[in-house]
Every structure is written in structure tokens, then in C-alpha cells.
Protein backbone atom coordinates (compact mmCIF):
# COMPACT_ATOMS: atom_id res chain seq x y z
CA MET A 1 -31.30 98.68 22.91
CA THR A 2 -30.75 97.06 20.09
CA LEU A 3 -32.81 94.22 18.22
CA GLU A 4 -30.24 91.57 19.53
CA ASN A 5 -31.04 93.08 22.63
CA PHE A 6 -34.32 93.16 22.91
CA ILE A 7 -35.08 89.47 21.39
CA GLY A 8 -32.37 87.72 23.82
CA ILE A 9 -34.64 89.61 26.65
CA LEU A 10 -37.53 87.93 24.87
CA GLU A 11 -35.99 84.46 24.61
CA GLU A 12 -34.89 84.97 28.12
CA SER A 13 -38.87 85.65 29.43
CA THR A 14 -40.41 82.96 27.29
CA GLY A 15 -37.78 80.30 26.69
CA VAL A 16 -38.84 80.39 23.05
CA GLY A 17 -37.08 81.39 19.80
CA TRP A 18 -38.01 84.61 18.11
CA THR A 19 -35.74 84.26 15.10
CA PHE A 20 -37.01 82.39 12.18
CA ALA A 21 -36.00 80.63 8.60
CA ILE A 22 -37.55 81.55 5.02
CA TRP A 23 -36.81 78.15 4.52
CA ASP A 24 -39.37 76.88 6.98
CA LEU A 25 -42.27 78.87 5.19
CA LEU A 26 -40.85 77.68 1.71
CA PHE A 27 -41.12 74.08 2.73
CA LEU A 28 -44.28 74.56 4.58
CA SER A 29 -46.13 76.14 1.39
CA VAL A 30 -44.86 72.92 -0.55
CA LEU A 31 -46.24 70.99 1.55
CA LEU A 32 -49.47 72.53 1.64
CA ILE A 33 -49.39 72.44 -2.15
CA ILE A 34 -49.19 68.46 -1.97
CA GLY A 35 -52.27 68.49 0.36
CA ILE A 36 -54.16 70.50 -1.66
CA LEU A 37 -53.68 68.06 -4.48
CA LEU A 38 -54.15 65.12 -2.17
CA ARG A 39 -57.36 66.25 -1.00
CA SER A 40 -58.49 67.43 -4.37
CA LYS A 41 -57.83 63.73 -6.06
CA VAL A 42 -58.28 60.88 -3.46
CA LYS A 43 -61.54 60.10 -2.36
CA PHE A 44 -60.73 58.98 0.88
CA PHE A 45 -59.28 62.11 1.81
CA GLN A 46 -62.87 63.38 0.35
CA LYS A 47 -64.55 61.40 2.53
CA TRP A 48 -63.16 62.11 5.70
CA LEU A 49 -62.90 65.82 4.77
CA ILE A 50 -59.29 66.13 5.74
CA PRO A 51 -57.71 69.40 5.76
CA ASP A 52 -55.75 69.80 3.39
CA ALA A 53 -53.09 71.47 6.25
CA LEU A 54 -53.62 68.55 8.36
CA LEU A 55 -52.35 66.44 5.01
CA ALA A 56 -49.42 68.45 4.63
CA GLY A 57 -48.09 68.59 8.09
CA LEU A 58 -48.50 64.44 8.57
CA LEU A 59 -46.05 64.56 5.16
CA GLY A 60 -43.69 67.37 6.59
CA LEU A 61 -43.85 64.94 9.82
CA ILE A 62 -42.88 61.63 7.28
CA LEU A 63 -40.44 63.30 5.14
CA GLY A 64 -38.64 65.31 8.19
CA LYS A 65 -35.52 64.09 9.78
CA TYR A 66 -36.94 61.77 12.44
CA VAL A 67 -38.45 59.32 10.07
CA LEU A 68 -36.91 59.93 6.30
CA GLY A 69 -34.08 60.89 8.04
CA THR A 70 -33.55 58.39 9.88
CA LEU A 71 -34.41 56.11 6.85
CA THR A 72 -31.69 57.81 4.92
CA GLN A 73 -29.15 57.89 7.90
CA ASN A 74 -29.64 62.08 7.80
CA THR A 75 -29.12 62.14 4.29
CA LEU A 76 -32.09 62.93 2.20
CA TYR A 77 -34.95 64.93 4.40
CA ILE A 78 -36.36 67.61 4.65
CA PRO A 79 -34.19 70.21 6.44
CA PHE A 80 -36.54 72.37 9.19
CA SER A 81 -34.88 74.62 11.13
CA GLU A 82 -34.98 74.11 14.66
CA GLY A 83 -37.24 77.25 15.31
CA LEU A 84 -40.24 75.29 13.73
CA ALA A 85 -41.25 74.31 16.69
CA TYR A 86 -41.66 78.00 17.60
CA TYR A 87 -44.05 78.77 14.99
CA PRO A 88 -47.36 77.70 16.27
CA TYR A 89 -46.55 79.70 19.52
CA HIS A 90 -46.31 82.85 17.57
CA LEU A 91 -49.04 82.42 14.85
CA LEU A 92 -51.16 81.52 17.84
CA ASN A 93 -50.48 84.71 19.14
CA ILE A 94 -51.15 86.49 15.99
CA CYS A 95 -54.47 84.71 15.44
CA PHE A 96 -55.65 85.93 19.07
CA CYS A 97 -54.54 89.35 18.08
CA SER A 98 -57.10 89.27 15.18
CA ILE A 99 -59.83 87.83 16.70
CA PRO A 100 -61.07 90.77 18.41
CA LEU A 101 -60.38 92.60 15.54
CA GLY A 102 -62.90 91.07 13.32
CA ALA A 103 -65.02 90.09 15.81
CA ALA A 104 -68.99 90.87 15.01
CA GLU A 105 -70.23 94.23 17.58
CA ILE A 106 -70.92 92.99 20.88
CA SER A 107 -73.16 93.68 23.26
CA TRP A 108 -74.71 91.84 26.90
CA ARG A 109 -77.49 91.01 25.09
CA LYS A 110 -76.12 88.69 22.88
CA ILE A 111 -73.57 87.26 24.95
CA LYS A 112 -76.37 86.75 27.79
CA LYS A 113 -78.38 84.81 25.02
CA GLY A 114 -75.42 82.76 23.93
CA GLY A 115 -71.89 83.87 24.84
CA LEU A 116 -72.22 83.14 28.23
CA SER A 117 -73.78 79.14 27.80
CA THR A 118 -71.01 78.56 25.38
CA GLY A 119 -68.33 80.32 27.80
CA LEU A 120 -69.58 77.50 30.64
CA CYS A 121 -69.41 74.75 27.88
CA ILE A 122 -65.80 75.62 26.70
CA SER A 123 -64.67 75.81 30.42
CA PHE A 124 -66.89 72.86 31.62
CA THR A 125 -65.89 70.73 28.57
CA GLN A 126 -61.84 71.74 29.57
CA MET A 127 -61.96 71.19 33.02
CA GLY A 128 -63.62 67.72 32.14
CA GLN A 129 -60.73 66.74 30.31
CA VAL A 130 -58.05 67.73 32.66
CA ALA A 131 -59.88 66.09 35.57
CA PHE A 132 -60.24 62.65 33.03
CA GLY A 133 -56.47 63.49 31.89
CA VAL A 134 -55.16 63.73 34.95
CA GLY A 135 -56.71 60.49 36.57
CA ILE A 136 -55.59 58.58 33.90
CA ALA A 137 -52.58 59.65 34.43
CA LEU A 138 -52.40 58.77 38.06
CA ILE A 139 -53.64 55.53 37.01
CA PHE A 140 -50.34 55.28 35.04
CA ILE A 141 -47.91 56.61 37.72
CA PHE A 142 -49.46 54.85 40.93
CA LEU A 143 -51.30 51.48 39.33
CA LEU A 144 -48.60 51.16 36.12
CA GLY A 145 -45.47 52.36 37.72
CA PHE A 146 -44.85 54.56 34.83
CA GLU A 147 -42.68 57.96 35.13
CA VAL A 148 -45.00 60.62 33.66
CA SER A 149 -45.71 64.14 35.21
CA PRO A 150 -49.78 63.99 36.51
CA LEU A 151 -49.47 67.40 34.43
CA ILE A 152 -49.65 65.37 30.86
CA GLY A 153 -53.23 65.25 31.62
CA THR A 154 -53.39 69.01 31.75
CA LEU A 155 -51.38 69.17 28.41
CA PHE A 156 -54.41 67.32 27.20
CA MET A 157 -56.41 69.75 27.66
CA PHE A 158 -54.39 72.24 26.07
CA GLY A 159 -53.55 70.50 23.09
CA TYR A 160 -57.10 69.28 22.63
CA GLY A 161 -59.24 72.29 23.70
CA THR A 162 -56.92 75.15 22.89
CA GLY A 163 -54.61 74.07 20.11
CA PRO A 164 -50.80 73.06 19.30
CA GLY A 165 -50.10 76.68 20.03
CA GLN A 166 -50.90 76.90 23.67
CA ALA A 167 -50.37 73.80 24.63
CA TYR A 168 -46.84 74.07 23.38
CA ALA A 169 -46.54 77.71 25.30
CA ILE A 170 -48.15 75.62 28.66
CA GLY A 171 -45.92 72.93 28.45
CA ASN A 172 -42.71 75.21 27.94
CA VAL A 173 -43.82 76.48 31.30
CA TYR A 174 -43.91 73.47 32.94
CA GLU A 175 -40.81 72.36 31.55
CA ASN A 176 -38.90 75.70 32.59
CA LEU A 177 -40.41 74.82 36.03
CA GLY A 178 -38.56 71.34 36.55
CA LEU A 179 -42.15 69.86 36.66
CA PHE A 180 -42.26 68.30 33.05
CA VAL A 181 -38.91 66.87 30.98
CA GLY A 182 -40.46 67.40 27.37
CA GLY A 183 -43.69 69.15 28.13
CA LYS A 184 -43.52 71.39 25.10
CA GLU A 185 -42.79 68.39 22.60
CA ILE A 186 -45.55 66.72 24.28
CA GLY A 187 -47.99 69.73 24.13
CA LEU A 188 -47.84 70.17 20.71
CA ALA A 189 -48.05 66.32 20.49
CA PHE A 190 -51.36 66.79 22.00
CA GLY A 191 -52.28 69.60 19.59
CA SER A 192 -51.61 67.78 16.32
CA LEU A 193 -53.20 64.54 17.30
CA GLY A 194 -56.59 66.55 18.66
CA TYR A 195 -56.87 68.18 14.98
CA VAL A 196 -56.82 64.39 13.82
CA PHE A 197 -59.42 63.50 16.18
CA ALA A 198 -61.59 66.58 14.93
CA PHE A 199 -62.33 65.00 11.83
CA LEU A 200 -62.20 61.15 12.09
CA GLY A 201 -64.74 61.73 14.98
CA GLY A 202 -66.56 64.66 13.27
CA ILE A 203 -67.27 63.49 10.30
CA PRO A 204 -68.98 60.33 11.61
CA LEU A 205 -70.98 62.21 14.02
CA MET A 206 -71.88 64.53 11.19
CA MET A 207 -73.06 61.65 9.28
CA TRP A 208 -75.06 60.22 12.59
CA GLY A 209 -76.52 63.54 12.45
CA ILE A 210 -77.72 64.20 9.19
CA ARG A 211 -79.49 60.87 8.92
CA ASN A 212 -81.12 60.86 11.76
CA GLY A 213 -82.82 64.47 11.38
CA HIS A 214 -80.71 66.57 13.95
CA THR A 215 -79.16 69.46 11.32
CA ALA A 216 -81.53 72.26 11.00
CA HIS A 217 -80.52 72.87 7.32
CA ILE A 218 -79.65 69.95 5.40
CA ARG A 219 -81.31 66.72 5.68
CA SER A 220 -78.96 64.17 3.27
CA LEU A 221 -75.72 63.39 2.77
CA ASP A 222 -76.20 64.36 -1.01
CA GLU A 223 -76.63 67.84 -0.24
CA ILE A 224 -73.25 68.39 0.33
CA PRO A 225 -71.85 70.26 -2.59
CA GLU A 226 -69.16 68.69 -4.53
CA TYR A 227 -66.29 71.83 -3.55
CA VAL A 228 -66.51 70.62 0.37
CA LYS A 229 -65.53 67.51 -0.65
CA THR A 230 -62.78 68.41 -2.73
CA GLY A 231 -61.49 71.45 -1.78
CA LEU A 232 -61.64 73.11 -4.54
CA ILE A 233 -64.74 76.34 -5.85
CA ARG A 234 -64.87 75.53 -9.67
CA ASP A 235 -68.15 77.31 -10.04
CA GLU A 236 -68.03 80.89 -9.86
CA ARG A 237 -71.59 81.23 -8.56
CA ASP A 238 -70.45 78.91 -5.17
CA ARG A 239 -67.26 81.43 -4.61
CA GLY A 240 -68.27 83.90 -1.57
CA VAL A 241 -66.67 87.30 -0.83
CA ALA A 242 -63.33 86.79 0.84
CA GLY A 243 -63.15 90.37 2.27
CA ARG A 244 -64.33 94.08 1.34
CA TYR A 245 -61.85 97.04 0.84
CA THR A 246 -61.72 99.25 3.74
CA SER A 247 -58.76 101.50 1.75
CA ALA A 248 -58.45 102.84 -1.54
CA THR A 249 -55.46 100.66 -3.12
CA GLU A 250 -53.68 103.92 -4.55
CA ALA A 251 -52.68 104.30 -0.96
CA ILE A 252 -52.77 100.66 0.54
CA ASP A 253 -53.90 97.92 -0.48
CA THR A 254 -56.81 96.84 2.39
CA LEU A 255 -54.94 92.84 3.13
CA SER A 256 -51.62 94.78 3.79
CA MET A 257 -53.52 97.14 6.29
CA GLN A 258 -55.28 94.81 8.01
CA ILE A 259 -52.43 92.46 8.93
CA ALA A 260 -50.35 95.56 10.04
CA LEU A 261 -53.13 96.37 12.45
CA VAL A 262 -52.86 92.62 13.63
CA LEU A 263 -49.08 93.10 13.75
CA PHE A 264 -49.74 96.39 15.40
CA THR A 265 -51.57 94.78 18.27
CA TYR A 266 -48.74 91.68 18.44
CA ILE A 267 -45.92 93.82 19.06
CA ILE A 268 -47.76 96.04 21.78
CA SER A 269 -49.03 92.75 23.41
CA ILE A 270 -45.53 91.89 23.15
CA LEU A 271 -44.36 95.58 25.65
CA VAL A 272 -47.51 94.72 28.02
CA TYR A 273 -46.15 91.23 28.25
CA LEU A 274 -42.42 92.67 28.90
CA ALA A 275 -43.82 94.98 31.24
CA ILE A 276 -45.65 92.84 33.68
CA TRP A 277 -43.00 90.34 33.21
CA SER A 278 -40.15 92.96 34.26
CA ILE A 279 -42.06 93.73 37.70
CA LEU A 280 -43.04 89.87 38.45
CA PRO A 281 -40.66 88.09 40.72
CA LYS A 282 -38.60 85.59 38.68
CA GLY A 283 -41.06 81.95 39.99
CA ALA A 284 -44.19 83.86 39.02
CA SER A 285 -42.66 85.54 35.72
CA ILE A 286 -42.10 81.87 34.47
CA TYR A 287 -45.68 81.44 34.49
CA LEU A 288 -46.72 84.53 32.25
CA CYS A 289 -44.67 83.29 29.16
CA GLY A 290 -47.22 80.66 28.67
CA PHE A 291 -49.87 83.28 28.31
CA LEU A 292 -49.22 85.76 26.30
CA TYR A 293 -51.98 84.45 23.81
CA MET A 294 -54.22 85.86 26.71
CA ILE A 295 -52.69 89.41 26.66
CA CYS A 296 -53.07 89.36 23.03
CA VAL A 297 -56.40 88.79 23.56
CA MET A 298 -56.85 91.79 26.09
CA VAL A 299 -54.85 94.08 23.98
CA GLY A 300 -56.77 93.07 20.81
CA MET A 301 -60.10 93.96 22.44
CA ILE A 302 -58.62 97.42 24.03
CA PHE A 303 -57.58 98.58 20.73
CA ARG A 304 -60.85 97.16 19.02
CA VAL A 305 -62.99 99.24 22.29
CA ILE A 306 -60.60 102.30 21.05
CA LEU A 307 -61.55 102.41 17.43
CA ASP A 308 -65.38 101.61 18.12
CA LYS A 309 -65.30 104.92 20.44
CA THR A 310 -63.35 107.36 18.39
CA GLY A 311 -65.93 106.34 15.41
CA ARG A 312 -62.65 104.41 13.15
CA ARG A 313 -64.15 101.03 13.20
CA TYR A 314 -64.16 100.98 9.53
CA ILE A 315 -61.00 100.59 9.18
CA LEU A 316 -61.40 96.91 10.30
CA ASP A 317 -63.02 94.31 7.59
CA SER A 318 -64.11 91.22 9.65
CA GLN A 319 -63.77 88.73 6.84
CA THR A 320 -59.83 90.01 5.49
CA GLN A 321 -59.72 89.42 9.41
CA ALA A 322 -61.13 85.83 9.16
CA ARG A 323 -58.75 85.12 6.23
CA ILE A 324 -55.61 86.19 8.61
CA GLN A 325 -57.25 83.84 11.09
CA GLY A 326 -57.56 81.40 8.87
CA VAL A 327 -53.70 81.43 7.25
CA THR A 328 -52.15 81.64 11.12
CA THR A 329 -54.58 78.01 11.85
CA ASP A 330 -53.30 76.56 8.55
CA LEU A 331 -50.27 77.63 9.34
CA ILE A 332 -50.39 76.65 12.85
CA VAL A 333 -51.55 72.99 12.01
CA VAL A 334 -48.92 72.22 9.00
CA SER A 335 -45.89 73.56 10.95
CA ALA A 336 -47.25 71.58 14.71
CA ILE A 337 -47.67 68.41 12.75
CA ALA A 338 -44.06 68.63 11.18
CA ALA A 339 -42.68 69.99 14.64
CA ILE A 340 -43.44 66.70 16.59
CA SER A 341 -40.77 65.33 18.28
CA ILE A 342 -41.19 61.13 18.02
CA PRO A 343 -38.35 60.28 20.69
CA MET A 344 -40.08 62.66 22.97
CA VAL A 345 -43.44 61.48 22.31
CA TRP A 346 -41.76 57.66 22.62
CA ARG A 347 -40.24 58.08 25.71
CA TYR A 348 -44.15 58.87 27.31
CA PHE A 349 -45.83 56.88 24.49
CA THR A 350 -48.19 54.41 26.26
CA PRO A 351 -49.91 57.25 28.37
CA PHE A 352 -49.80 59.76 25.84
CA ILE A 353 -51.61 57.85 23.22
CA THR A 354 -54.23 55.93 25.78
CA ILE A 355 -54.91 59.34 26.96
CA ALA A 356 -55.40 61.02 23.60
CA ILE A 357 -57.80 58.57 22.61
CA LEU A 358 -59.75 57.77 25.43
CA GLY A 359 -59.96 61.53 26.17
CA GLY A 360 -60.89 61.94 22.57
CA PHE A 361 -63.69 59.40 23.02
CA PHE A 362 -64.50 61.18 26.42
CA THR A 363 -64.39 65.02 24.56
CA LEU A 364 -66.64 63.54 21.91
CA LEU A 365 -69.23 61.67 24.44
CA ILE A 366 -69.70 64.85 26.89
CA SER A 367 -70.28 67.32 23.68
CA VAL A 368 -73.05 65.22 22.08
CA TRP A 369 -74.44 65.03 26.13
CA LEU A 370 -74.36 68.58 26.59
CA HIS A 371 -75.64 70.42 23.59
CA LYS A 372 -79.13 68.76 23.69
CA ARG A 373 -79.73 70.36 27.27
CA ILE A 374 -77.90 73.89 27.22
CA PHE A 375 -78.76 75.46 23.91
CA SER A 376 -82.46 76.50 22.69
CA ASP A 377 -81.45 76.53 19.18
CA HIS A 378 -79.51 75.08 16.30
CA GLN A 379 -77.96 72.53 19.11
CA PHE A 380 -76.34 70.03 16.50
CA GLU A 381 -74.79 72.62 14.14
CA ARG A 382 -73.60 74.53 17.69
CA LEU A 383 -72.37 70.74 18.12
CA MET A 384 -69.83 70.32 15.48
CA PHE A 385 -68.38 74.02 16.23
CA ASN A 386 -68.04 73.50 19.48
CA TYR A 387 -66.48 69.46 19.57
CA GLY A 388 -64.21 70.63 16.44
CA ALA A 389 -62.69 73.77 18.91
CA HIS A 390 -62.78 71.16 21.77
CA THR A 391 -60.57 68.59 19.90
CA GLY A 392 -58.59 70.74 17.14
CA THR A 393 -59.07 74.55 16.82
CA ALA A 394 -62.05 77.28 16.21
CA MET A 395 -61.03 76.79 12.79
CA SER A 396 -61.51 72.91 12.49
CA GLY A 397 -64.99 73.46 14.58
CA LEU A 398 -65.72 75.90 11.50
CA ALA A 399 -65.20 73.72 8.87
CA LEU A 400 -67.31 70.84 10.22
CA MET A 401 -70.07 73.25 10.86
CA ARG A 402 -70.05 74.75 7.28
CA VAL A 403 -71.10 71.22 6.37
CA VAL A 404 -74.42 71.16 7.91
CA ASP A 405 -74.79 74.82 8.30
CA PRO A 406 -73.43 76.14 4.97
CA GLU A 407 -74.87 79.90 5.36
CA PHE A 408 -73.91 80.39 8.84
CA LYS A 409 -77.46 80.73 10.20
CA SER A 410 -76.01 80.11 13.83
CA SER A 411 -74.50 82.06 15.51
CA ALA A 412 -72.33 79.80 17.18
CA PRO A 413 -68.86 81.15 15.94
CA ALA A 414 -69.86 84.55 17.62
CA ASP A 415 -71.15 83.02 20.83
CA TYR A 416 -67.40 81.16 20.83
CA THR A 417 -65.67 84.53 20.56
CA MET A 418 -68.20 86.01 23.39
CA GLY A 419 -67.75 82.94 25.40
CA MET A 420 -63.72 83.26 24.86
CA PRO A 421 -62.74 85.36 27.81
CA LEU A 422 -64.42 82.98 30.35
CA ALA A 423 -62.72 80.05 28.87
CA LEU A 424 -59.62 81.98 29.17
CA VAL A 425 -59.63 82.64 32.71
CA CYS A 426 -60.48 78.86 33.76
CA GLN A 427 -57.60 77.86 31.60
CA PHE A 428 -55.25 80.39 33.62
CA VAL A 429 -56.49 79.65 36.84
CA ILE A 430 -56.26 75.72 36.32
CA ALA A 431 -52.70 75.35 34.41
CA SER A 432 -51.64 77.99 37.59
CA ILE A 433 -53.09 75.67 39.97
CA GLY A 434 -51.66 72.23 38.30
CA GLY A 435 -47.96 73.95 38.55
CA VAL A 436 -48.14 75.30 42.32
CA VAL A 437 -49.73 72.20 43.23
CA ILE A 438 -47.24 69.94 41.63
CA SER A 439 -44.04 71.79 42.55
CA MET A 440 -44.81 71.55 46.26
CA ALA A 441 -43.30 68.12 46.60
CA LYS A 442 -42.43 66.68 43.07
CA THR A 443 -41.81 63.31 44.72
CA ALA A 444 -44.65 62.85 47.03
CA PHE A 445 -47.88 61.14 46.35
CA TRP A 446 -50.53 63.90 47.41
CA PRO A 447 -50.04 66.25 45.15
CA PRO A 448 -51.14 64.47 42.13
CA ILE A 449 -54.16 63.73 44.03
CA LEU A 450 -55.12 66.76 45.20
CA TYR A 451 -54.93 68.79 41.63
CA PHE A 452 -57.14 65.78 40.22
CA LEU A 453 -59.66 66.61 43.19
CA ILE A 454 -59.21 69.97 42.57
CA ALA A 455 -59.82 69.52 38.99
CA ILE A 456 -63.22 67.65 39.81
CA VAL A 457 -64.53 70.16 41.69
CA PHE A 458 -64.04 72.93 39.10
CA THR A 459 -65.98 70.90 37.00
CA ILE A 460 -68.80 70.33 39.24
CA PHE A 461 -68.81 74.04 39.96
CA LEU A 462 -68.88 75.09 36.29
CA TRP A 463 -72.09 72.08 35.74
CA TYR A 464 -73.91 73.78 38.26
CA LEU A 465 -73.40 76.94 36.71
CA TRP A 466 -75.84 76.35 34.09
CA PRO A 467 -78.97 75.70 36.23
CA VAL A 468 -78.07 79.46 37.81
CA PHE A 469 -78.14 81.41 34.89
CA GLY A 470 -81.37 79.50 33.52
CA PHE A 471 -79.64 77.72 30.84
CA TRP A 472 -80.00 74.00 32.00
CA LYS A 473 -82.79 71.81 30.29
CA ARG A 474 -83.62 68.76 32.37
CA TYR A 475 -83.94 66.04 29.84
CA LYS A 476 -84.68 62.34 31.05
CA PRO A 477 -83.53 59.94 30.86
CA PHE A 478 -80.10 61.88 32.43
CA TRP A 479 -78.06 59.05 30.49
CA SER A 480 -79.02 59.94 27.20
CA LEU A 481 -76.85 61.71 24.59
CA TRP A 482 -79.45 63.01 22.61
CA PRO A 483 -82.60 62.94 24.49
CA LYS A 484 -86.34 63.68 22.45
CA ASP A 485 -87.76 67.16 22.80
């Protein structure tokens, strides 16, 4: 089999491009440099801790063909390739390959203590996002007469709750099934806007927590270091360790080896994906392309277990793997925002922006309401991390938590990693149910309502699991967002 044939099979099975233009990476790099300069110089961006990648992505969108190209009649704009929208999909898969390789040692005691409750938190919030998004979509469909798929509510969850890469992948599945025209573009747009909401909602929340004494490690806004605001670390004493050597540089650089291990995991994941795809019936195989990132997690976990059991764990470095995850996340954000299809977003603009804004506030409120009731330690620090992850990515949650917990005394990131398998199962179930139910009768009124009811029942079921496992604290009054001890 030639490489061209192999790529052809991948593109047929996933509906996603597998060839890329080097110029895209060059353009994205220039945009990131401009974003770094803007964050380091502009006080407004420093006050709101706007990430450099977010600024770079917005610049890419403005300077791309849909804005600057339209204004100049396509004579002057950044000529990104048509494959730019595929970057978040692949970068997400690479990031998920890295996460198990860089995770701390997994034990049942740790999973039971914080990981299980975090997994329930992720799943409950995401199912709540689906129910909320589909509910708003039903109002637009049945009361206001808009032509939009109720699956826009599911894409809201994937965009905010998991990020642009997953949202693009699931939107691509729905589009291939003929259930949502422009599904992948709307998923990408939700993921990008969610990242914005992570910080525009997270920073005021952080300030509220600090002023009211809810933080465990920082008592005043004045304690936030200057380098956190500017994004650049000038003092040598403030610079942490980005990674440790696991190989002799005379043989191979450690970073090269860590990247090779991640990409090796990705190619094995692709082969596993193709093996599964080849034996599934066509109708079922269409769903599979949206969940390649789950296969990446499973293959990564198996690879990690093999290394642990054979005594080869020493070749991995968790700090370097964290840097790989950071790089892929930055590139996901800048490429996702720059690749937003403005014409497609405009087509669904009213329901899209309504679900995005109201859903963002819903996520903020439900996150605050939950965390005092389901965790016994570092409640606010966990809130900052999980809220960031529920609206942007795990890296945006890490960025928010790092401000209030600069020494990472909270186990929130580790618990998030351990709770992820439960969340992945819930994502697969609700996305698949949505596609199956809506495809039963595309023009009938009952499938969207049935899907909405299923999402509500699923959410309530997850809620009742907290008391079952003994995590729930019955604070009163019930409606208090942050009840007193």
C-alpha cells in the first residue's frame, strides 16, 4: 500500500484532511509572537489574563479571508490553507496521546478519593450542558420557527466542555450523517467561543473568590506575581523546570524522544481506528471518526501500563509531556479561532450566540454551586480548574488555577486525568444517542423532544451517584451558590 492510498483511506473513513501546508504553521507562529507582544504590553489583556494564543487566534480570524479578505476584495489577507480547520482535530488527538504518558502514577486509592468525584463532576456538568443547549434549541425550533438541528445543543457541550478539536470531530460526524449542515464549523466556533468565556468568566470569578477569602493559598490580588500578568518571566528565580532529561543528549535529545513516543502512540491509535472501522457496518463506522481521541487515550494508557509493568517508566518525563500538551493546546486554540467559518456561523447566528452566552452563564453557575458540595479540600482551586476545563480546555483550567494555587498544592489536574475515562464514556453515549434519535425521523417533532428528555434523565442519574458514593454534602439552603461551612 502506498502512502497516498493510506492517506486516502484515512480521509474516506474520517472525513478529515490528513495533508498540511507548512505555511499554515509559519503564519500561526507569527500570530503567536504578536499575541505574546500584545499580552506583555497591553494592561487590559494583563488584567483579564487573556492568553497569547487567544489573541493570536482572534488576529488570525480578523486578518483572514472572511474579514480582511472581504474588506480588501481578496487582495490582502493571510492565505491560510483549506486544511487549517483540520489542525484542532489532529492536535487534539496528539494531546490525548500525551496525557496518559505524562500522568502521575495511577492508584485506586487516588481515583476513589478525588478522581471519581471529578469524573462525576465533568460528566454531570457536560450532560447539563447538553440538556440546556438542546432545550434552548427546541425553543428556537418549535416556538420561534428557526431551521436548526437540535444537535447544536450537543455541539455546545463538546465545544465548551471538551474543546474545539472534539467539537469539530463530532460536528463532522453529524454532518456526514446528514443531520447538521455545517456541524463541524459550528462545533469549531463553539470551542473557540468557549475558550473566550473561560477567561472572561473565570477572571471575575477568581477575583470574587480572592476578595471573599475562599482561596487557600492567596489572600489578596496584590499577591498575583507580575509575570503572571505579563506572561513573561524575567527573573531567573521565578523560572521553573520545564522538563528533566531521560536520555543522553549524545544519543538523542529528551524532547525528541518524548515527541517520538507521543507520535508513535498516535500512529498505533490510527491503526487501531482503521482496524475497528474496517469491521464495522457503514452506518456505525461513521460515528467512529468522531471518537479517535478516545482511542488515543486508551492506546496511551495501554502503552503506559506496558512501560510501568516492564520497568521502562523511566523513559517518560511528565514535565516534558506537559509541555507537549501545552504546545498542542496553544496551536489548537489559535488554529481553531483563525479557522472559524463566519458565513456558516452567520447562518445560525441567533441560536448559536444565544446558546453560547446563556450556556456560558449556566456553566459558571452550576460549577460554583457544585464544588462546595462535592469536594472536601481545595474547593475553590478545584472550581477554577474545572470551570476552565468546562468552558475551554484542561490547559485553560490549569492557567486559571495556577493564579490561585501557584505551587499546585491542589490535586485537581491529577484528579481530572483520573476522572476522564468516566467522562469519555458519557460523551460517547450522549453523542451517539443524539445521532441515533435525531436520525430516526429527521422531520418529525418527537425525536428532539425525546433527546432532550434523555439528556435530563441522564443528568439526574449522574447527580444521584454522588450520594451513592458518599461524596455529596447536604449544605443548606439548597439554592446557595457557595454555602458557609
